[in-house]
Amino acid sequence: MSILRELLDLGQSIWLDNISRGVIRSGDLHAKVQEGLTGVTSNPTIFEKAISGGEDYDPQVRELISSAPEISNARLIQELMIRDIQMAADILRPVFDRAQGHDGFVSIEVTPSKARDTLGTGEEVRYLWSRINRPNLMVKIPSTIEGLPAVEEMLYEGININITLIFSVERYRKVAAAFLKGLERRVAEGKPIDRLASVASVFVSRVDTLVDPMLAGRIASGEKDLAGLLGTAAVANAKMVYQAFKEIFTSPRFASLATRGAAVQRPLWGSTGTKNPAYGDLKYVETLVGPNTVNTVPPQTYAAILHHGKAALTVERDLEAARLSLSRLKEAGISMKQVTAKLEEEGVSAFEKSFDGLLALLDRKRVSVQSSSAVR
């Protein structure tokens, strides 16, 4: 049995945090699905790398510009993304059907500039849901304060939602509350909830990326007893999220929804590629395996799972050590509230920067296409 299927038997789905036209058309994505991959996620940074990585998208760019010369670069980008997402969703559709609508999803993110715009987010989610027109689509909404009302409303409208850029336990609880409220509103109006799906994407490794340098500074100043905390914050934080998940989704409130066919909103571990070479390449995978979870991994981490990954239930292992790590970080003057707030702001900014890079790239492609047309 493959490691992916072993993990699936333990309740964890492995999704690929990567998409490109080359991966789709080469058959690579289909091959991964045959290996046991059960989903795909994307974001503006991933698309920036995909579109800037070669000429795979040039024919569609030429086609779109030729048919609609006034099309904006933002709409061009959206059209390129939509086609990729549709093709990937079609490849994952057999997984979705076998899982009776509980797996096999492909995610697309709303434009990063909408992260602080509740109404604008809702409008774009509706457009993407209608335009892509695949039942195994999830539209990603950032878990910003402005994003949360849109999460509730879109779930109420019956759209599958992936809530992203979650860093703190407190924000996770608000995300889960928005999920429950959206479903409860549907039930109150007699609308079905048995085919509605959602995941809560909790970013993991970035926590260590921010906390470790803070610890290193204190250690360099003589606080040697803090050395054991290096590389512990991210996994400890995620484990506390999982405890909150269990509390919420074993509550009487959710039980009443479950009787009507509701599925739990699974925690999805994102940003699980190891960024510090001093840590193991599966540090943020093998420590967070548990029932009703998803781990979306970059290609190099996916390859590592296949090569030497081990399947074991770990997300509830060493919980007291995780709590102690978070307590000691607080004692050392490291505020996880401040850390996670900064990570959210940086995450939104990073996606905006990637989208701006895409806009500039499309400017260059547009000039190239128009120049070649003029020569003809």
Protein backbone atom coordinates (compact mmCIF):
# COMPACT_ATOMS: atom_id res chain seq x y z
CA MET A 1 0.00 0.00 0.00
CA SER A 2 1.33 3.45 -0.89
CA ILE A 3 2.13 5.95 1.86
CA LEU A 4 -0.62 8.26 0.56
CA ARG A 5 -3.22 5.55 0.99
CA GLU A 6 -1.86 4.70 4.44
CA LEU A 7 -2.30 8.34 5.44
CA LEU A 8 -5.79 8.33 3.95
CA ASP A 9 -6.65 5.30 6.07
CA LEU A 10 -5.59 7.34 9.13
CA GLY A 11 -7.90 10.15 8.05
CA GLN A 12 -5.47 12.54 6.36
CA SER A 13 -5.70 13.59 2.73
CA ILE A 14 -2.58 14.77 0.92
CA TRP A 15 -3.16 17.60 -1.54
CA LEU A 16 -0.62 19.24 -3.83
CA ASP A 17 0.08 22.92 -3.24
CA ASN A 18 1.01 23.56 -6.84
CA ILE A 19 -0.59 23.91 -10.24
CA SER A 20 0.60 24.79 -13.71
CA ARG A 21 -0.51 24.09 -17.23
CA GLY A 22 2.62 22.05 -17.85
CA VAL A 23 1.92 19.78 -14.85
CA ILE A 24 -1.65 19.29 -16.07
CA ARG A 25 -0.96 18.71 -19.77
CA SER A 26 2.08 16.49 -19.24
CA GLY A 27 -0.03 13.96 -17.36
CA ASP A 28 1.93 14.54 -14.16
CA LEU A 29 -1.12 15.58 -12.16
CA HIS A 30 -3.08 12.58 -13.39
CA ALA A 31 -0.20 10.30 -12.39
CA LYS A 32 -0.15 11.79 -8.89
CA VAL A 33 -3.88 11.22 -8.56
CA GLN A 34 -3.26 7.59 -9.49
CA GLU A 35 -0.67 7.46 -6.68
CA GLY A 36 -3.25 8.64 -4.17
CA LEU A 37 -3.20 12.44 -4.33
CA THR A 38 -6.69 13.71 -3.48
CA GLY A 39 -6.65 17.47 -4.07
CA VAL A 40 -4.88 20.57 -5.37
CA THR A 41 -4.49 24.06 -3.91
CA SER A 42 -3.27 27.22 -5.59
CA ASN A 43 -2.56 30.83 -4.69
CA PRO A 44 -1.31 33.97 -6.47
CA THR A 45 2.35 33.12 -5.76
CA ILE A 46 1.96 29.68 -7.31
CA PHE A 47 0.31 31.13 -10.40
CA GLU A 48 2.99 33.80 -10.71
CA LYS A 49 5.64 31.07 -10.86
CA ALA A 50 3.59 28.99 -13.28
CA ILE A 51 2.77 31.79 -15.74
CA SER A 52 6.26 33.31 -15.66
CA GLY A 53 7.95 29.93 -15.99
CA GLY A 54 7.70 29.54 -19.76
CA GLU A 55 5.42 29.84 -22.76
CA ASP A 56 2.66 27.41 -21.77
CA TYR A 57 0.16 30.24 -21.36
CA ASP A 58 1.10 32.31 -24.40
CA PRO A 59 -1.39 30.72 -26.83
CA GLN A 60 -4.31 31.51 -24.53
CA VAL A 61 -3.01 35.03 -23.94
CA ARG A 62 -2.90 35.59 -27.72
CA GLU A 63 -6.36 34.11 -28.11
CA LEU A 64 -7.86 36.32 -25.39
CA ILE A 65 -6.20 39.51 -26.60
CA SER A 66 -7.17 38.81 -30.21
CA SER A 67 -10.82 38.25 -29.31
CA ALA A 68 -11.01 41.11 -26.79
CA PRO A 69 -8.19 43.66 -27.25
CA GLU A 70 -9.45 45.80 -24.36
CA ILE A 71 -9.41 42.97 -21.82
CA SER A 72 -7.69 44.04 -18.61
CA ASN A 73 -4.59 42.28 -17.33
CA ALA A 74 -6.47 41.35 -14.16
CA ARG A 75 -9.15 39.60 -16.22
CA LEU A 76 -6.46 37.95 -18.37
CA ILE A 77 -4.90 36.48 -15.24
CA GLN A 78 -8.27 35.30 -14.03
CA GLU A 79 -9.02 33.59 -17.34
CA LEU A 80 -5.65 31.79 -17.30
CA MET A 81 -6.30 30.59 -13.75
CA ILE A 82 -9.84 29.49 -14.53
CA ARG A 83 -8.75 27.24 -17.36
CA ASP A 84 -6.10 25.56 -15.20
CA ILE A 85 -8.55 25.06 -12.35
CA GLN A 86 -11.18 23.58 -14.66
CA MET A 87 -8.70 21.09 -16.13
CA ALA A 88 -7.37 20.11 -12.70
CA ALA A 89 -10.90 19.73 -11.31
CA ASP A 90 -11.78 17.40 -14.16
CA ILE A 91 -8.75 15.22 -13.35
CA LEU A 92 -9.74 15.12 -9.67
CA ARG A 93 -13.43 14.49 -10.39
CA PRO A 94 -13.19 10.68 -10.04
CA VAL A 95 -11.72 11.16 -6.56
CA PHE A 96 -14.58 13.54 -5.69
CA ASP A 97 -17.16 11.03 -6.93
CA ARG A 98 -15.62 8.09 -5.04
CA ALA A 99 -15.45 10.18 -1.86
CA GLN A 100 -19.10 11.20 -2.32
CA GLY A 101 -18.16 14.87 -2.34
CA HIS A 102 -15.84 14.85 0.67
CA ASP A 103 -12.50 14.98 -1.18
CA GLY A 104 -11.03 15.56 -4.63
CA PHE A 105 -11.15 19.37 -4.54
CA VAL A 106 -9.22 22.04 -6.41
CA SER A 107 -8.91 25.53 -4.89
CA ILE A 108 -8.64 28.96 -6.48
CA GLU A 109 -8.07 32.17 -4.50
CA VAL A 110 -9.88 35.47 -4.81
CA THR A 111 -7.81 38.46 -5.95
CA PRO A 112 -5.49 39.46 -3.05
CA SER A 113 -6.66 43.07 -3.11
CA LYS A 114 -10.08 41.82 -1.92
CA ALA A 115 -8.66 40.52 1.39
CA ARG A 116 -10.06 43.56 3.25
CA ASP A 117 -13.20 43.91 1.12
CA THR A 118 -16.16 41.83 2.28
CA LEU A 119 -18.55 42.71 -0.55
CA GLY A 120 -15.88 42.55 -3.23
CA THR A 121 -14.84 39.11 -2.01
CA GLY A 122 -18.40 37.82 -2.22
CA GLU A 123 -18.86 39.14 -5.75
CA GLU A 124 -15.68 37.48 -6.96
CA VAL A 125 -16.46 34.18 -5.22
CA ARG A 126 -19.85 34.03 -6.93
CA TYR A 127 -18.27 34.80 -10.30
CA LEU A 128 -15.57 32.14 -9.95
CA TRP A 129 -18.05 29.53 -8.71
CA SER A 130 -20.37 30.16 -11.64
CA ARG A 131 -17.64 30.55 -14.25
CA ILE A 132 -15.59 27.48 -13.31
CA ASN A 133 -18.76 25.44 -12.81
CA ARG A 134 -17.26 22.36 -11.17
CA PRO A 135 -18.77 20.73 -8.05
CA ASN A 136 -15.28 19.89 -6.74
CA LEU A 137 -14.16 23.52 -6.71
CA MET A 138 -13.28 25.36 -3.52
CA VAL A 139 -12.88 29.12 -3.59
CA LYS A 140 -10.29 30.48 -1.15
CA ILE A 141 -11.16 33.41 1.09
CA PRO A 142 -8.54 34.89 3.46
CA SER A 143 -9.46 34.63 7.13
CA THR A 144 -9.13 38.37 7.66
CA ILE A 145 -11.72 40.09 9.84
CA GLU A 146 -13.28 41.41 6.62
CA GLY A 147 -13.16 37.96 5.05
CA LEU A 148 -15.11 36.18 7.78
CA PRO A 149 -18.56 37.63 6.92
CA ALA A 150 -17.95 36.63 3.30
CA VAL A 151 -17.10 33.09 4.44
CA GLU A 152 -20.41 32.79 6.26
CA GLU A 153 -22.39 34.29 3.38
CA MET A 154 -20.80 32.16 0.67
CA LEU A 155 -21.33 28.95 2.63
CA TYR A 156 -24.93 30.02 3.20
CA GLU A 157 -25.24 30.42 -0.58
CA GLY A 158 -24.01 26.84 -1.04
CA ILE A 159 -20.46 27.47 -2.29
CA ASN A 160 -17.53 25.31 -1.18
CA ILE A 161 -15.03 27.51 0.66
CA ASN A 162 -11.37 27.10 1.61
CA ILE A 163 -10.59 29.67 4.31
CA THR A 164 -6.90 30.52 4.10
CA LEU A 165 -4.15 32.45 5.92
CA ILE A 166 -5.19 31.18 9.36
CA PHE A 167 -2.36 31.48 11.87
CA SER A 168 -3.87 31.61 15.35
CA VAL A 169 -6.18 29.38 17.39
CA GLU A 170 -8.38 32.40 18.06
CA ARG A 171 -8.85 33.16 14.37
CA TYR A 172 -9.44 29.46 13.66
CA ARG A 173 -12.33 29.51 16.14
CA LYS A 174 -13.86 32.48 14.33
CA VAL A 175 -13.53 30.64 11.02
CA ALA A 176 -15.26 27.56 12.42
CA ALA A 177 -18.01 29.78 13.85
CA ALA A 178 -18.58 31.34 10.42
CA PHE A 179 -18.83 27.84 8.93
CA LEU A 180 -21.40 26.73 11.50
CA LYS A 181 -23.45 29.90 11.11
CA GLY A 182 -23.53 29.57 7.32
CA LEU A 183 -24.82 26.01 7.56
CA GLU A 184 -27.34 26.89 10.27
CA ARG A 185 -28.80 29.62 8.09
CA ARG A 186 -29.27 27.09 5.28
CA VAL A 187 -30.96 24.62 7.62
CA ALA A 188 -33.29 27.34 8.89
CA GLU A 189 -34.49 27.86 5.32
CA GLY A 190 -34.78 24.16 4.52
CA LYS A 191 -31.76 24.15 2.22
CA PRO A 192 -29.53 21.05 1.93
CA ILE A 193 -26.11 20.97 3.59
CA ASP A 194 -25.04 17.39 2.85
CA ARG A 195 -22.97 18.30 -0.26
CA LEU A 196 -21.36 21.45 1.09
CA ALA A 197 -17.62 21.26 1.81
CA SER A 198 -15.11 23.52 3.50
CA VAL A 199 -11.57 23.41 4.87
CA ALA A 200 -9.80 25.76 7.28
CA SER A 201 -6.25 26.33 6.03
CA VAL A 202 -3.85 26.80 8.94
CA PHE A 203 -0.37 27.94 7.89
CA VAL A 204 2.33 26.11 9.81
CA SER A 205 6.01 26.55 8.95
CA ARG A 206 5.82 30.33 8.69
CA VAL A 207 5.28 30.47 12.45
CA ASP A 208 8.74 28.98 13.05
CA THR A 209 10.19 31.20 10.34
CA LEU A 210 9.17 34.25 12.38
CA VAL A 211 9.58 32.91 15.93
CA ASP A 212 12.97 31.21 15.54
CA PRO A 213 14.91 34.43 14.80
CA MET A 214 13.25 36.04 17.81
CA LEU A 215 14.41 33.14 19.96
CA ALA A 216 17.88 33.21 18.38
CA GLY A 217 18.25 36.85 19.40
CA ARG A 218 17.41 36.06 23.01
CA ILE A 219 19.73 33.04 23.01
CA ALA A 220 22.55 35.17 21.65
CA SER A 221 21.91 37.60 24.50
CA GLY A 222 22.55 34.85 27.03
CA GLU A 223 19.18 33.13 27.48
CA LYS A 224 20.61 29.72 26.63
CA ASP A 225 17.72 27.85 28.24
CA LEU A 226 15.51 28.91 25.32
CA ALA A 227 17.46 26.86 22.77
CA GLY A 228 15.10 23.91 23.20
CA LEU A 229 12.21 26.02 21.96
CA LEU A 230 13.66 26.50 18.48
CA GLY A 231 11.45 24.85 15.88
CA THR A 232 8.63 24.06 18.31
CA ALA A 233 6.18 26.96 17.95
CA ALA A 234 4.63 26.05 14.60
CA VAL A 235 3.72 22.45 15.35
CA ALA A 236 2.58 23.32 18.89
CA ASN A 237 0.30 26.03 17.51
CA ALA A 238 -1.18 23.64 14.92
CA LYS A 239 -1.78 20.99 17.56
CA MET A 240 -3.76 23.49 19.61
CA VAL A 241 -5.84 24.28 16.53
CA TYR A 242 -6.63 20.58 16.20
CA GLN A 243 -7.77 20.48 19.83
CA ALA A 244 -10.09 23.40 19.12
CA PHE A 245 -11.35 21.55 16.03
CA LYS A 246 -12.20 18.47 18.09
CA GLU A 247 -14.01 20.55 20.69
CA ILE A 248 -16.10 22.42 18.12
CA PHE A 249 -16.97 19.47 15.91
CA THR A 250 -17.95 17.13 18.74
CA SER A 251 -20.26 19.76 20.23
CA PRO A 252 -24.07 19.48 20.36
CA ARG A 253 -24.21 22.48 18.04
CA PHE A 254 -22.45 20.61 15.24
CA ALA A 255 -24.20 17.33 16.08
CA SER A 256 -27.52 18.86 15.07
CA LEU A 257 -26.01 19.79 11.70
CA ALA A 258 -24.44 16.35 11.30
CA THR A 259 -27.87 14.73 11.58
CA ARG A 260 -28.75 16.66 8.41
CA GLY A 261 -25.68 15.37 6.59
CA ALA A 262 -23.13 18.09 7.34
CA ALA A 263 -19.48 17.13 7.03
CA VAL A 264 -16.93 18.60 9.40
CA GLN A 265 -14.85 21.53 8.22
CA ARG A 266 -11.47 19.83 8.08
CA PRO A 267 -8.32 21.60 9.26
CA LEU A 268 -5.91 21.88 6.34
CA TRP A 269 -2.23 22.24 7.18
CA GLY A 270 -0.70 24.69 4.70
CA SER A 271 2.82 26.07 4.34
CA THR A 272 4.19 22.67 5.28
CA GLY A 273 7.36 22.69 3.20
CA THR A 274 10.41 22.91 5.48
CA LYS A 275 12.10 26.29 5.06
CA ASN A 276 14.93 25.76 7.58
CA PRO A 277 17.44 23.20 6.20
CA ALA A 278 18.37 22.31 9.78
CA TYR A 279 14.95 20.66 10.17
CA GLY A 280 13.74 17.45 8.59
CA ASP A 281 12.00 17.74 5.24
CA LEU A 282 8.82 16.21 6.65
CA LYS A 283 8.82 18.10 9.95
CA TYR A 284 5.46 19.72 9.22
CA VAL A 285 3.89 16.59 7.77
CA GLU A 286 4.73 13.66 10.01
CA THR A 287 3.96 15.61 13.20
CA LEU A 288 0.42 16.57 12.16
CA VAL A 289 -1.28 13.38 10.99
CA GLY A 290 -4.77 12.87 12.33
CA PRO A 291 -8.39 12.07 11.45
CA ASN A 292 -10.30 14.63 9.39
CA THR A 293 -7.22 16.57 8.31
CA VAL A 294 -5.66 17.64 5.02
CA ASN A 295 -2.00 18.49 4.39
CA THR A 296 -1.31 20.45 1.21
CA VAL A 297 2.34 20.14 0.28
CA PRO A 298 4.70 21.65 -2.31
CA PRO A 299 6.21 19.32 -4.94
CA GLN A 300 9.48 18.68 -3.10
CA THR A 301 7.62 17.73 0.10
CA TYR A 302 5.27 15.51 -1.90
CA ALA A 303 8.29 13.68 -3.33
CA ALA A 304 9.76 13.31 0.16
CA ILE A 305 6.52 11.78 1.45
CA LEU A 306 6.60 9.17 -1.30
CA HIS A 307 10.30 8.47 -0.76
CA HIS A 308 10.57 8.15 3.01
CA GLY A 309 7.33 9.27 4.64
CA LYS A 310 5.91 7.34 7.59
CA ALA A 311 2.24 7.08 8.46
CA ALA A 312 1.32 7.33 12.15
CA LEU A 313 -1.24 9.25 14.16
CA THR A 314 0.74 12.14 15.62
CA VAL A 315 -1.37 15.29 15.83
CA GLU A 316 -2.36 14.48 19.41
CA ARG A 317 1.01 13.14 20.44
CA ASP A 318 2.99 15.11 23.06
CA LEU A 319 0.22 17.63 23.67
CA GLU A 320 1.60 18.63 27.07
CA ALA A 321 4.99 19.35 25.50
CA ALA A 322 3.24 21.52 22.91
CA ARG A 323 1.38 23.46 25.60
CA LEU A 324 4.60 23.87 27.58
CA SER A 325 6.42 25.24 24.51
CA LEU A 326 3.74 27.87 23.97
CA SER A 327 3.76 28.73 27.67
CA ARG A 328 7.55 29.14 27.71
CA LEU A 329 7.43 31.31 24.60
CA LYS A 330 5.00 33.60 26.40
CA GLU A 331 7.26 33.70 29.45
CA ALA A 332 10.16 34.65 27.15
CA GLY A 333 8.19 37.67 25.97
CA ILE A 334 7.19 36.25 22.59
CA SER A 335 3.53 37.05 22.00
CA MET A 336 1.88 34.55 19.69
CA LYS A 337 -0.93 37.07 19.21
CA GLN A 338 1.55 39.57 17.79
CA VAL A 339 3.36 36.87 15.80
CA THR A 340 0.20 35.60 14.13
CA ALA A 341 -1.09 39.11 13.43
CA LYS A 342 2.18 39.94 11.69
CA LEU A 343 2.08 36.70 9.72
CA GLU A 344 -1.42 37.47 8.47
CA GLU A 345 -0.36 40.92 7.31
CA GLU A 346 2.75 39.51 5.63
CA GLY A 347 0.71 36.76 3.98
CA VAL A 348 -1.77 39.19 2.45
CA SER A 349 1.09 41.46 1.31
CA ALA A 350 3.02 38.57 -0.24
CA PHE A 351 0.02 37.51 -2.32
CA GLU A 352 -0.58 41.12 -3.39
CA LYS A 353 3.06 41.38 -4.46
CA SER A 354 2.76 38.16 -6.48
CA PHE A 355 -0.39 39.44 -8.17
CA ASP A 356 1.34 42.73 -8.98
CA GLY A 357 4.15 40.69 -10.51
CA LEU A 358 1.60 38.87 -12.65
CA LEU A 359 0.12 42.16 -13.82
CA ALA A 360 3.58 43.36 -14.90
CA LEU A 361 4.25 40.04 -16.63
CA LEU A 362 0.98 40.27 -18.56
CA ASP A 363 1.94 43.80 -19.64
CA ARG A 364 5.08 42.37 -21.23
CA LYS A 365 3.23 39.47 -22.81
CA ARG A 366 0.60 41.83 -24.20
CA VAL A 367 3.29 43.97 -25.86
CA SER A 368 4.94 40.85 -27.27
CA VAL A 369 1.67 39.49 -28.66
CA GLN A 370 0.65 42.82 -30.16
CA SER A 371 4.09 43.29 -31.72
CA SER A 372 4.02 39.86 -33.35
CA SER A 373 0.51 40.52 -34.67
CA ALA A 374 1.65 43.81 -36.19
CA VAL A 375 4.54 42.09 -37.96
CA ARG A 376 2.14 39.62 -39.54
